[in-house]
């Protein structure tokens, strides 16, 4: 989404294309729903200069409309990340995650 809330694109990407997109983009807010790979992808985004906002799935659920698909989930995550009062989780480094 751009700063005005307009959807720029919403398509599936391979992990390598996601890394390339993050590497070739200026610093943005990268919003993600907490999952098994959240901390890995958050560290990748942070290392490339992006701000990461991670949210618990139960906080994102009210913002997802229609059927549960990856595309609808992505829109819900983007909307949830801009809401006032939303709480975000901290990104764990590798040693914290190993514990």
PDB file of N, CA and C in Angstrom:
ATOM      1  N   UNK A   1       0.848  -1.173   0.000  1.00  0.00           N
ATOM      2  CA  UNK A   1       0.000   0.000   0.000  1.00  0.00           C
ATOM      3  C   UNK A   1       0.892   1.234   0.000  1.00  0.00           C
ATOM      4  N   UNK A   2       0.397   2.268  -0.639  1.00  0.00           N
ATOM      5  CA  UNK A   2       1.156   3.508  -0.590  1.00  0.00           C
ATOM      6  C   UNK A   2       0.739   4.305   0.653  1.00  0.00           C
ATOM      7  N   UNK A   3       1.386   5.447   0.943  1.00  0.00           N
ATOM      8  CA  UNK A   3       1.042   6.210   2.146  1.00  0.00           C
ATOM      9  C   UNK A   3      -0.404   6.711   2.173  1.00  0.00           C
ATOM     10  N   UNK A   4      -1.086   6.683   1.046  1.00  0.00           N
ATOM     11  CA  UNK A   4      -2.472   7.152   0.987  1.00  0.00           C
ATOM     12  C   UNK A   4      -3.472   6.018   1.145  1.00  0.00           C
ATOM     13  N   UNK A   5      -2.989   4.792   1.402  1.00  0.00           N
ATOM     14  CA  UNK A   5      -3.856   3.654   1.616  1.00  0.00           C
ATOM     15  C   UNK A   5      -4.324   2.962   0.350  1.00  0.00           C
ATOM     16  N   UNK A   6      -3.724   3.288  -0.783  1.00  0.00           N
ATOM     17  CA  UNK A   6      -4.112   2.655  -2.047  1.00  0.00           C
ATOM     18  C   UNK A   6      -3.291   1.379  -2.242  1.00  0.00           C
ATOM     19  N   UNK A   7      -3.956   0.335  -2.700  1.00  0.00           N
ATOM     20  CA  UNK A   7      -3.294  -0.933  -2.951  1.00  0.00           C
ATOM     21  C   UNK A   7      -2.468  -0.835  -4.222  1.00  0.00           C
ATOM     22  N   UNK A   8      -1.165  -1.096  -4.114  1.00  0.00           N
ATOM     23  CA  UNK A   8      -0.280  -1.025  -5.275  1.00  0.00           C
ATOM     24  C   UNK A   8      -0.198  -2.366  -5.989  1.00  0.00           C
ATOM     25  N   UNK A   9      -0.022  -3.446  -5.232  1.00  0.00           N
ATOM     26  CA  UNK A   9      -0.045  -4.784  -5.810  1.00  0.00           C
ATOM     27  C   UNK A   9      -0.286  -5.783  -4.694  1.00  0.00           C
ATOM     28  N   UNK A  10      -0.792  -6.934  -5.075  1.00  0.00           N
ATOM     29  CA  UNK A  10      -1.096  -7.985  -4.110  1.00  0.00           C
ATOM     30  C   UNK A  10      -0.974  -9.328  -4.829  1.00  0.00           C
ATOM     31  N   UNK A  11       0.271  -9.750  -5.012  1.00  0.00           N
ATOM     32  CA  UNK A  11       0.486 -10.994  -5.736  1.00  0.00           C
ATOM     33  C   UNK A  11       1.437 -11.895  -4.958  1.00  0.00           C
ATOM     34  N   UNK A  12       1.314 -13.185  -5.195  1.00  0.00           N
ATOM     35  CA  UNK A  12       2.188 -14.150  -4.534  1.00  0.00           C
ATOM     36  C   UNK A  12       3.591 -14.057  -5.130  1.00  0.00           C
ATOM     37  N   UNK A  13       4.598 -14.264  -4.266  1.00  0.00           N
ATOM     38  CA  UNK A  13       5.987 -14.220  -4.715  1.00  0.00           C
ATOM     39  C   UNK A  13       6.762 -15.360  -4.078  1.00  0.00           C
ATOM     40  N   UNK A  14       7.776 -15.806  -4.777  1.00  0.00           N
ATOM     41  CA  UNK A  14       8.675 -16.811  -4.214  1.00  0.00           C
ATOM     42  C   UNK A  14       9.529 -16.144  -3.134  1.00  0.00           C
ATOM     43  N   UNK A  15      10.113 -16.924  -2.243  1.00  0.00           N
ATOM     44  CA  UNK A  15      10.984 -16.326  -1.229  1.00  0.00           C
ATOM     45  C   UNK A  15      12.123 -15.497  -1.827  1.00  0.00           C
ATOM     46  N   UNK A  16      12.724 -15.958  -2.917  1.00  0.00           N
ATOM     47  CA  UNK A  16      13.823 -15.203  -3.528  1.00  0.00           C
ATOM     48  C   UNK A  16      13.325 -13.881  -4.101  1.00  0.00           C
ATOM     49  N   UNK A  17      12.156 -13.880  -4.741  1.00  0.00           N
ATOM     50  CA  UNK A  17      11.611 -12.633  -5.281  1.00  0.00           C
ATOM     51  C   UNK A  17      11.239 -11.669  -4.158  1.00  0.00           C
ATOM     52  N   UNK A  18      10.791 -12.220  -3.016  1.00  0.00           N
ATOM     53  CA  UNK A  18      10.493 -11.371  -1.862  1.00  0.00           C
ATOM     54  C   UNK A  18      11.765 -10.708  -1.354  1.00  0.00           C
ATOM     55  N   UNK A  19      12.852 -11.468  -1.256  1.00  0.00           N
ATOM     56  CA  UNK A  19      14.138 -10.896  -0.834  1.00  0.00           C
ATOM     57  C   UNK A  19      14.597  -9.826  -1.821  1.00  0.00           C
ATOM     58  N   UNK A  20      14.441 -10.092  -3.110  1.00  0.00           N
ATOM     59  CA  UNK A  20      14.839  -9.117  -4.128  1.00  0.00           C
ATOM     60  C   UNK A  20      14.012  -7.839  -4.010  1.00  0.00           C
ATOM     61  N   UNK A  21      12.712  -7.982  -3.787  1.00  0.00           N
ATOM     62  CA  UNK A  21      11.838  -6.814  -3.629  1.00  0.00           C
ATOM     63  C   UNK A  21      12.267  -5.982  -2.427  1.00  0.00           C
ATOM     64  N   UNK A  22      12.520  -6.650  -1.306  1.00  0.00           N
ATOM     65  CA  UNK A  22      12.959  -5.927  -0.107  1.00  0.00           C
ATOM     66  C   UNK A  22      14.308  -5.251  -0.325  1.00  0.00           C
ATOM     67  N   UNK A  23      15.216  -5.929  -1.016  1.00  0.00           N
ATOM     68  CA  UNK A  23      16.557  -5.385  -1.241  1.00  0.00           C
ATOM     69  C   UNK A  23      16.542  -4.195  -2.190  1.00  0.00           C
ATOM     70  N   UNK A  24      15.619  -4.182  -3.139  1.00  0.00           N
ATOM     71  CA  UNK A  24      15.596  -3.127  -4.156  1.00  0.00           C
ATOM     72  C   UNK A  24      14.586  -2.028  -3.867  1.00  0.00           C
ATOM     73  N   UNK A  25      13.997  -2.033  -2.675  1.00  0.00           N
ATOM     74  CA  UNK A  25      13.008  -1.022  -2.305  1.00  0.00           C
ATOM     75  C   UNK A  25      13.607  -0.048  -1.303  1.00  0.00           C
ATOM     76  N   UNK A  26      13.156   1.209  -1.347  1.00  0.00           N
ATOM     77  CA  UNK A  26      13.573   2.125  -0.282  1.00  0.00           C
ATOM     78  C   UNK A  26      12.955   1.664   1.034  1.00  0.00           C
ATOM     79  N   UNK A  27      13.416   2.179   2.165  1.00  0.00           N
ATOM     80  CA  UNK A  27      12.869   1.741   3.452  1.00  0.00           C
ATOM     81  C   UNK A  27      11.355   1.974   3.549  1.00  0.00           C
ATOM     82  N   UNK A  28      10.653   0.918   3.854  1.00  0.00           N
ATOM     83  CA  UNK A  28       9.202   0.944   4.019  1.00  0.00           C
ATOM     84  C   UNK A  28       8.830   0.306   5.346  1.00  0.00           C
ATOM     85  N   UNK A  29       7.548   0.388   5.685  1.00  0.00           N
ATOM     86  CA  UNK A  29       6.997  -0.372   6.791  1.00  0.00           C
ATOM     87  C   UNK A  29       6.609  -1.735   6.225  1.00  0.00           C
ATOM     88  N   UNK A  30       7.148  -2.781   6.819  1.00  0.00           N
ATOM     89  CA  UNK A  30       6.831  -4.149   6.402  1.00  0.00           C
ATOM     90  C   UNK A  30       5.983  -4.745   7.517  1.00  0.00           C
ATOM     91  N   UNK A  31       4.714  -5.002   7.225  1.00  0.00           N
ATOM     92  CA  UNK A  31       3.785  -5.541   8.223  1.00  0.00           C
ATOM     93  C   UNK A  31       3.607  -7.026   7.985  1.00  0.00           C
ATOM     94  N   UNK A  32       3.647  -7.791   9.078  1.00  0.00           N
ATOM     95  CA  UNK A  32       3.507  -9.244   8.978  1.00  0.00           C
ATOM     96  C   UNK A  32       2.671  -9.776  10.132  1.00  0.00           C
ATOM     97  N   UNK A  33       1.984 -10.852   9.846  1.00  0.00           N
ATOM     98  CA  UNK A  33       1.246 -11.576  10.877  1.00  0.00           C
ATOM     99  C   UNK A  33       2.213 -12.574  11.501  1.00  0.00           C
ATOM    100  N   UNK A  34       2.138 -12.729  12.822  1.00  0.00           N
ATOM    101  CA  UNK A  34       3.016 -13.668  13.495  1.00  0.00           C
ATOM    102  C   UNK A  34       2.779 -15.094  13.018  1.00  0.00           C
ATOM    103  N   UNK A  35       3.857 -15.776  12.661  1.00  0.00           N
ATOM    104  CA  UNK A  35       3.781 -17.163  12.208  1.00  0.00           C
ATOM    105  C   UNK A  35       5.139 -17.797  12.452  1.00  0.00           C
ATOM    106  N   UNK A  36       5.309 -19.025  12.008  1.00  0.00           N
ATOM    107  CA  UNK A  36       6.555 -19.748  12.254  1.00  0.00           C
ATOM    108  C   UNK A  36       7.779 -19.049  11.668  1.00  0.00           C
ATOM    109  N   UNK A  37       7.624 -18.365  10.565  1.00  0.00           N
ATOM    110  CA  UNK A  37       8.784 -17.741   9.921  1.00  0.00           C
ATOM    111  C   UNK A  37       8.831 -16.223  10.109  1.00  0.00           C
ATOM    112  N   UNK A  38       7.989 -15.692  10.980  1.00  0.00           N
ATOM    113  CA  UNK A  38       7.939 -14.238  11.170  1.00  0.00           C
ATOM    114  C   UNK A  38       9.302 -13.657  11.525  1.00  0.00           C
ATOM    115  N   UNK A  39       9.975 -14.222  12.523  1.00  0.00           N
ATOM    116  CA  UNK A  39      11.225 -13.624  12.995  1.00  0.00           C
ATOM    117  C   UNK A  39      12.317 -13.688  11.930  1.00  0.00           C
ATOM    118  N   UNK A  40      12.360 -14.764  11.159  1.00  0.00           N
ATOM    119  CA  UNK A  40      13.337 -14.852  10.071  1.00  0.00           C
ATOM    120  C   UNK A  40      13.125 -13.721   9.069  1.00  0.00           C
ATOM    121  N   UNK A  41      11.882 -13.597   8.566  1.00  0.00           N
ATOM    122  CA  UNK A  41      11.609 -12.573   7.555  1.00  0.00           C
ATOM    123  C   UNK A  41      11.737 -11.163   8.135  1.00  0.00           C
ATOM    124  N   UNK A  42      11.407 -11.002   9.399  1.00  0.00           N
ATOM    125  CA  UNK A  42      11.563  -9.693  10.035  1.00  0.00           C
ATOM    126  C   UNK A  42      13.038  -9.304  10.104  1.00  0.00           C
ATOM    127  N   UNK A  43      13.902 -10.261  10.435  1.00  0.00           N
ATOM    128  CA  UNK A  43      15.349  -9.969  10.466  1.00  0.00           C
ATOM    129  C   UNK A  43      15.869  -9.628   9.077  1.00  0.00           C
ATOM    130  N   UNK A  44      15.386 -10.333   8.060  1.00  0.00           N
ATOM    131  CA  UNK A  44      15.793 -10.030   6.682  1.00  0.00           C
ATOM    132  C   UNK A  44      15.386  -8.599   6.331  1.00  0.00           C
ATOM    133  N   UNK A  45      14.142  -8.234   6.603  1.00  0.00           N
ATOM    134  CA  UNK A  45      13.651  -6.888   6.275  1.00  0.00           C
ATOM    135  C   UNK A  45      14.402  -5.819   7.059  1.00  0.00           C
ATOM    136  N   UNK A  46      14.632  -6.059   8.349  1.00  0.00           N
ATOM    137  CA  UNK A  46      15.359  -5.075   9.155  1.00  0.00           C
ATOM    138  C   UNK A  46      16.787  -4.897   8.671  1.00  0.00           C
ATOM    139  N   UNK A  47      17.424  -5.974   8.259  1.00  0.00           N
ATOM    140  CA  UNK A  47      18.802  -5.868   7.786  1.00  0.00           C
ATOM    141  C   UNK A  47      18.895  -5.043   6.503  1.00  0.00           C
ATOM    142  N   UNK A  48      17.779  -4.920   5.795  1.00  0.00           N
ATOM    143  CA  UNK A  48      17.744  -4.134   4.562  1.00  0.00           C
ATOM    144  C   UNK A  48      17.183  -2.730   4.796  1.00  0.00           C
ATOM    145  N   UNK A  49      16.986  -2.359   6.069  1.00  0.00           N
ATOM    146  CA  UNK A  49      16.595  -0.997   6.421  1.00  0.00           C
ATOM    147  C   UNK A  49      15.108  -0.739   6.552  1.00  0.00           C
ATOM    148  N   UNK A  50      14.290  -1.767   6.536  1.00  0.00           N
ATOM    149  CA  UNK A  50      12.843  -1.583   6.644  1.00  0.00           C
ATOM    150  C   UNK A  50      12.403  -1.600   8.110  1.00  0.00           C
ATOM    151  N   UNK A  51      11.274  -0.939   8.379  1.00  0.00           N
ATOM    152  CA  UNK A  51      10.647  -1.001   9.703  1.00  0.00           C
ATOM    153  C   UNK A  51       9.676  -2.170   9.690  1.00  0.00           C
ATOM    154  N   UNK A  52       9.763  -3.042  10.686  1.00  0.00           N
ATOM    155  CA  UNK A  52       8.915  -4.231  10.729  1.00  0.00           C
ATOM    156  C   UNK A  52       7.845  -4.073  11.792  1.00  0.00           C
ATOM    157  N   UNK A  53       6.614  -4.397  11.412  1.00  0.00           N
ATOM    158  CA  UNK A  53       5.490  -4.410  12.346  1.00  0.00           C
ATOM    159  C   UNK A  53       4.884  -5.809  12.337  1.00  0.00           C
ATOM    160  N   UNK A  54       5.081  -6.523  13.417  1.00  0.00           N
ATOM    161  CA  UNK A  54       4.511  -7.866  13.541  1.00  0.00           C
ATOM    162  C   UNK A  54       3.311  -7.839  14.456  1.00  0.00           C
ATOM    163  N   UNK A  55       2.275  -8.547  14.056  1.00  0.00           N
ATOM    164  CA  UNK A  55       1.031  -8.548  14.829  1.00  0.00           C
ATOM    165  C   UNK A  55       0.566  -9.971  15.089  1.00  0.00           C
ATOM    166  N   UNK A  56      -0.066 -10.169  16.227  1.00  0.00           N
ATOM    167  CA  UNK A  56      -0.633 -11.474  16.555  1.00  0.00           C
ATOM    168  C   UNK A  56      -1.808 -11.760  15.616  1.00  0.00           C
ATOM    169  N   UNK A  57      -1.956 -13.008  15.194  1.00  0.00           N
ATOM    170  CA  UNK A  57      -3.068 -13.349  14.281  1.00  0.00           C
ATOM    171  C   UNK A  57      -4.435 -12.952  14.812  1.00  0.00           C
ATOM    172  N   UNK A  58      -4.648 -13.056  16.130  1.00  0.00           N
ATOM    173  CA  UNK A  58      -5.967 -12.702  16.677  1.00  0.00           C
ATOM    174  C   UNK A  58      -6.238 -11.198  16.580  1.00  0.00           C
ATOM    175  N   UNK A  59      -5.191 -10.385  16.496  1.00  0.00           N
ATOM    176  CA  UNK A  59      -5.376  -8.938  16.319  1.00  0.00           C
ATOM    177  C   UNK A  59      -5.683  -8.579  14.869  1.00  0.00           C
ATOM    178  N   UNK A  60      -5.234  -9.415  13.935  1.00  0.00           N
ATOM    179  CA  UNK A  60      -5.426  -9.156  12.507  1.00  0.00           C
ATOM    180  C   UNK A  60      -6.781  -9.656  12.024  1.00  0.00           C
ATOM    181  N   UNK A  61      -7.273 -10.737  12.622  1.00  0.00           N
ATOM    182  CA  UNK A  61      -8.494 -11.413  12.163  1.00  0.00           C
ATOM    183  C   UNK A  61      -9.674 -10.467  11.913  1.00  0.00           C
ATOM    184  N   UNK A  62      -9.957  -9.481  12.779  1.00  0.00           N
ATOM    185  CA  UNK A  62     -11.112  -8.600  12.519  1.00  0.00           C
ATOM    186  C   UNK A  62     -10.998  -7.765  11.239  1.00  0.00           C
ATOM    187  N   UNK A  63      -9.801  -7.627  10.692  1.00  0.00           N
ATOM    188  CA  UNK A  63      -9.590  -6.797   9.507  1.00  0.00           C
ATOM    189  C   UNK A  63      -9.605  -7.597   8.207  1.00  0.00           C
ATOM    190  N   UNK A  64      -9.765  -8.911   8.317  1.00  0.00           N
ATOM    191  CA  UNK A  64      -9.798  -9.761   7.123  1.00  0.00           C
ATOM    192  C   UNK A  64     -11.249  -9.964   6.720  1.00  0.00           C
ATOM    193  N   UNK A  65     -11.553  -9.593   5.490  1.00  0.00           N
ATOM    194  CA  UNK A  65     -12.919  -9.748   5.008  1.00  0.00           C
ATOM    195  C   UNK A  65     -12.967 -10.833   3.946  1.00  0.00           C
ATOM    196  N   UNK A  66     -14.127 -11.287   3.646  1.00  0.00           N
ATOM    197  CA  UNK A  66     -14.358 -12.331   2.644  1.00  0.00           C
ATOM    198  C   UNK A  66     -13.726 -13.643   3.077  1.00  0.00           C
ATOM    199  N   UNK A  67     -13.447 -14.496   2.110  1.00  0.00           N
ATOM    200  CA  UNK A  67     -12.889 -15.815   2.388  1.00  0.00           C
ATOM    201  C   UNK A  67     -11.429 -15.704   2.815  1.00  0.00           C
ATOM    202  N   UNK A  68     -10.970 -16.723   3.529  1.00  0.00           N
ATOM    203  CA  UNK A  68      -9.580 -16.730   3.970  1.00  0.00           C
ATOM    204  C   UNK A  68      -8.686 -17.192   2.821  1.00  0.00           C
ATOM    205  N   UNK A  69      -7.995 -16.239   2.219  1.00  0.00           N
ATOM    206  CA  UNK A  69      -7.011 -16.510   1.179  1.00  0.00           C
ATOM    207  C   UNK A  69      -5.769 -15.699   1.506  1.00  0.00           C
ATOM    208  N   UNK A  70      -4.656 -16.041   0.886  1.00  0.00           N
ATOM    209  CA  UNK A  70      -3.428 -15.274   1.128  1.00  0.00           C
ATOM    210  C   UNK A  70      -3.598 -13.812   0.724  1.00  0.00           C
ATOM    211  N   UNK A  71      -4.278 -13.569  -0.389  1.00  0.00           N
ATOM    212  CA  UNK A  71      -4.472 -12.194  -0.866  1.00  0.00           C
ATOM    213  C   UNK A  71      -5.337 -11.398   0.112  1.00  0.00           C
ATOM    214  N   UNK A  72      -6.423 -11.991   0.599  1.00  0.00           N
ATOM    215  CA  UNK A  72      -7.281 -11.299   1.563  1.00  0.00           C
ATOM    216  C   UNK A  72      -6.564 -11.109   2.891  1.00  0.00           C
ATOM    217  N   UNK A  73      -5.766 -12.092   3.304  1.00  0.00           N
ATOM    218  CA  UNK A  73      -4.977 -11.951   4.529  1.00  0.00           C
ATOM    219  C   UNK A  73      -4.000 -10.788   4.410  1.00  0.00           C
ATOM    220  N   UNK A  74      -3.349 -10.646   3.265  1.00  0.00           N
ATOM    221  CA  UNK A  74      -2.382  -9.563   3.060  1.00  0.00           C
ATOM    222  C   UNK A  74      -3.057  -8.196   3.175  1.00  0.00           C
ATOM    223  N   UNK A  75      -4.239  -8.066   2.623  1.00  0.00           N
ATOM    224  CA  UNK A  75      -4.969  -6.800   2.723  1.00  0.00           C
ATOM    225  C   UNK A  75      -5.344  -6.527   4.177  1.00  0.00           C
ATOM    226  N   UNK A  76      -5.819  -7.540   4.877  1.00  0.00           N
ATOM    227  CA  UNK A  76      -6.170  -7.380   6.290  1.00  0.00           C
ATOM    228  C   UNK A  76      -4.974  -6.992   7.141  1.00  0.00           C
ATOM    229  N   UNK A  77      -3.821  -7.591   6.871  1.00  0.00           N
ATOM    230  CA  UNK A  77      -2.599  -7.258   7.608  1.00  0.00           C
ATOM    231  C   UNK A  77      -2.196  -5.817   7.346  1.00  0.00           C
ATOM    232  N   UNK A  78      -2.288  -5.384   6.100  1.00  0.00           N
ATOM    233  CA  UNK A  78      -1.934  -4.001   5.754  1.00  0.00           C
ATOM    234  C   UNK A  78      -2.858  -3.019   6.464  1.00  0.00           C
ATOM    235  N   UNK A  79      -4.141  -3.310   6.487  1.00  0.00           N
ATOM    236  CA  UNK A  79      -5.100  -2.419   7.152  1.00  0.00           C
ATOM    237  C   UNK A  79      -4.851  -2.410   8.656  1.00  0.00           C
ATOM    238  N   UNK A  80      -4.668  -3.588   9.246  1.00  0.00           N
ATOM    239  CA  UNK A  80      -4.447  -3.681  10.692  1.00  0.00           C
ATOM    240  C   UNK A  80      -3.201  -2.914  11.122  1.00  0.00           C
ATOM    241  N   UNK A  81      -2.166  -2.930  10.298  1.00  0.00           N
ATOM    242  CA  UNK A  81      -0.907  -2.275  10.680  1.00  0.00           C
ATOM    243  C   UNK A  81      -1.017  -0.764  10.755  1.00  0.00           C
ATOM    244  N   UNK A  82      -2.075  -0.202  10.184  1.00  0.00           N
ATOM    245  CA  UNK A  82      -2.241   1.257  10.193  1.00  0.00           C
ATOM    246  C   UNK A  82      -3.227   1.744  11.251  1.00  0.00           C
ATOM    247  N   UNK A  83      -3.806   0.820  12.008  1.00  0.00           N
ATOM    248  CA  UNK A  83      -4.820   1.189  12.989  1.00  0.00           C
ATOM    249  C   UNK A  83      -4.205   1.778  14.255  1.00  0.00           C
ATOM    250  N   UNK A  84      -4.856   2.811  14.786  1.00  0.00           N
ATOM    251  CA  UNK A  84      -4.409   3.396  16.044  1.00  0.00           C
ATOM    252  C   UNK A  84      -4.590   2.379  17.163  1.00  0.00           C
ATOM    253  N   UNK A  85      -3.651   2.321  18.061  1.00  0.00           N
ATOM    254  CA  UNK A  85      -3.746   1.424  19.201  1.00  0.00           C
ATOM    255  C   UNK A  85      -3.332  -0.007  18.923  1.00  0.00           C
ATOM    256  N   UNK A  86      -2.936  -0.316  17.699  1.00  0.00           N
ATOM    257  CA  UNK A  86      -2.483  -1.678  17.385  1.00  0.00           C
ATOM    258  C   UNK A  86      -1.164  -1.932  18.104  1.00  0.00           C
ATOM    259  N   UNK A  87      -1.032  -3.100  18.684  1.00  0.00           N
ATOM    260  CA  UNK A  87       0.210  -3.459  19.359  1.00  0.00           C
ATOM    261  C   UNK A  87       1.033  -4.360  18.442  1.00  0.00           C
ATOM    262  N   UNK A  88       2.324  -4.141  18.451  1.00  0.00           N
ATOM    263  CA  UNK A  88       3.231  -4.887  17.588  1.00  0.00           C
ATOM    264  C   UNK A  88       4.214  -5.665  18.442  1.00  0.00           C
ATOM    265  N   UNK A  89       4.602  -6.827  17.960  1.00  0.00           N
ATOM    266  CA  UNK A  89       5.553  -7.644  18.710  1.00  0.00           C
ATOM    267  C   UNK A  89       6.979  -7.308  18.279  1.00  0.00           C
ATOM    268  N   UNK A  90       7.892  -7.561  19.193  1.00  0.00           N
ATOM    269  CA  UNK A  90       9.291  -7.291  18.911  1.00  0.00           C
ATOM    270  C   UNK A  90       9.903  -8.436  18.120  1.00  0.00           C
ATOM    271  N   UNK A  91      10.867  -8.108  17.299  1.00  0.00           N
ATOM    272  CA  UNK A  91      11.565  -9.111  16.509  1.00  0.00           C
ATOM    273  C   UNK A  91      12.682  -9.705  17.361  1.00  0.00           C
ATOM    274  N   UNK A  92      12.724 -11.020  17.417  1.00  0.00           N
ATOM    275  CA  UNK A  92      13.766 -11.702  18.187  1.00  0.00           C
ATOM    276  C   UNK A  92      14.979 -11.945  17.295  1.00  0.00           C
ATOM    277  N   UNK A  93      16.173 -11.756  17.885  1.00  0.00           N
ATOM    278  CA  UNK A  93      17.357 -12.124  17.121  1.00  0.00           C
ATOM    279  C   UNK A  93      17.522 -13.647  17.197  1.00  0.00           C
ATOM    280  N   UNK A  94      18.476 -14.169  16.487  1.00  0.00           N
ATOM    281  CA  UNK A  94      18.617 -15.624  16.365  1.00  0.00           C
ATOM    282  C   UNK A  94      18.872 -16.299  17.712  1.00  0.00           C
ATOM    283  N   UNK A  95      19.696 -15.664  18.560  1.00  0.00           N
ATOM    284  CA  UNK A  95      19.979 -16.281  19.869  1.00  0.00           C
ATOM    285  C   UNK A  95      18.738 -16.291  20.763  1.00  0.00           C
ATOM    286  N   UNK A  96      17.918 -15.239  20.723  1.00  0.00           N
ATOM    287  CA  UNK A  96      16.670 -15.216  21.488  1.00  0.00           C
ATOM    288  C   UNK A  96      15.701 -16.277  20.974  1.00  0.00           C
ATOM    289  N   UNK A  97      15.642 -16.430  19.679  1.00  0.00           N
ATOM    290  CA  UNK A  97      14.729 -17.395  19.112  1.00  0.00           C
ATOM    291  C   UNK A  97      15.170 -18.828  19.416  1.00  0.00           C
ATOM    292  N   UNK A  98      16.472 -19.066  19.479  1.00  0.00           N
ATOM    293  CA  UNK A  98      16.968 -20.402  19.813  1.00  0.00           C
ATOM    294  C   UNK A  98      16.625 -20.820  21.239  1.00  0.00           C
ATOM    295  N   UNK A  99      16.537 -19.850  22.135  1.00  0.00           N
ATOM    296  CA  UNK A  99      16.196 -20.152  23.536  1.00  0.00           C
ATOM    297  C   UNK A  99      14.771 -20.630  23.589  1.00  0.00           C
TER     298      UNK A  99
END
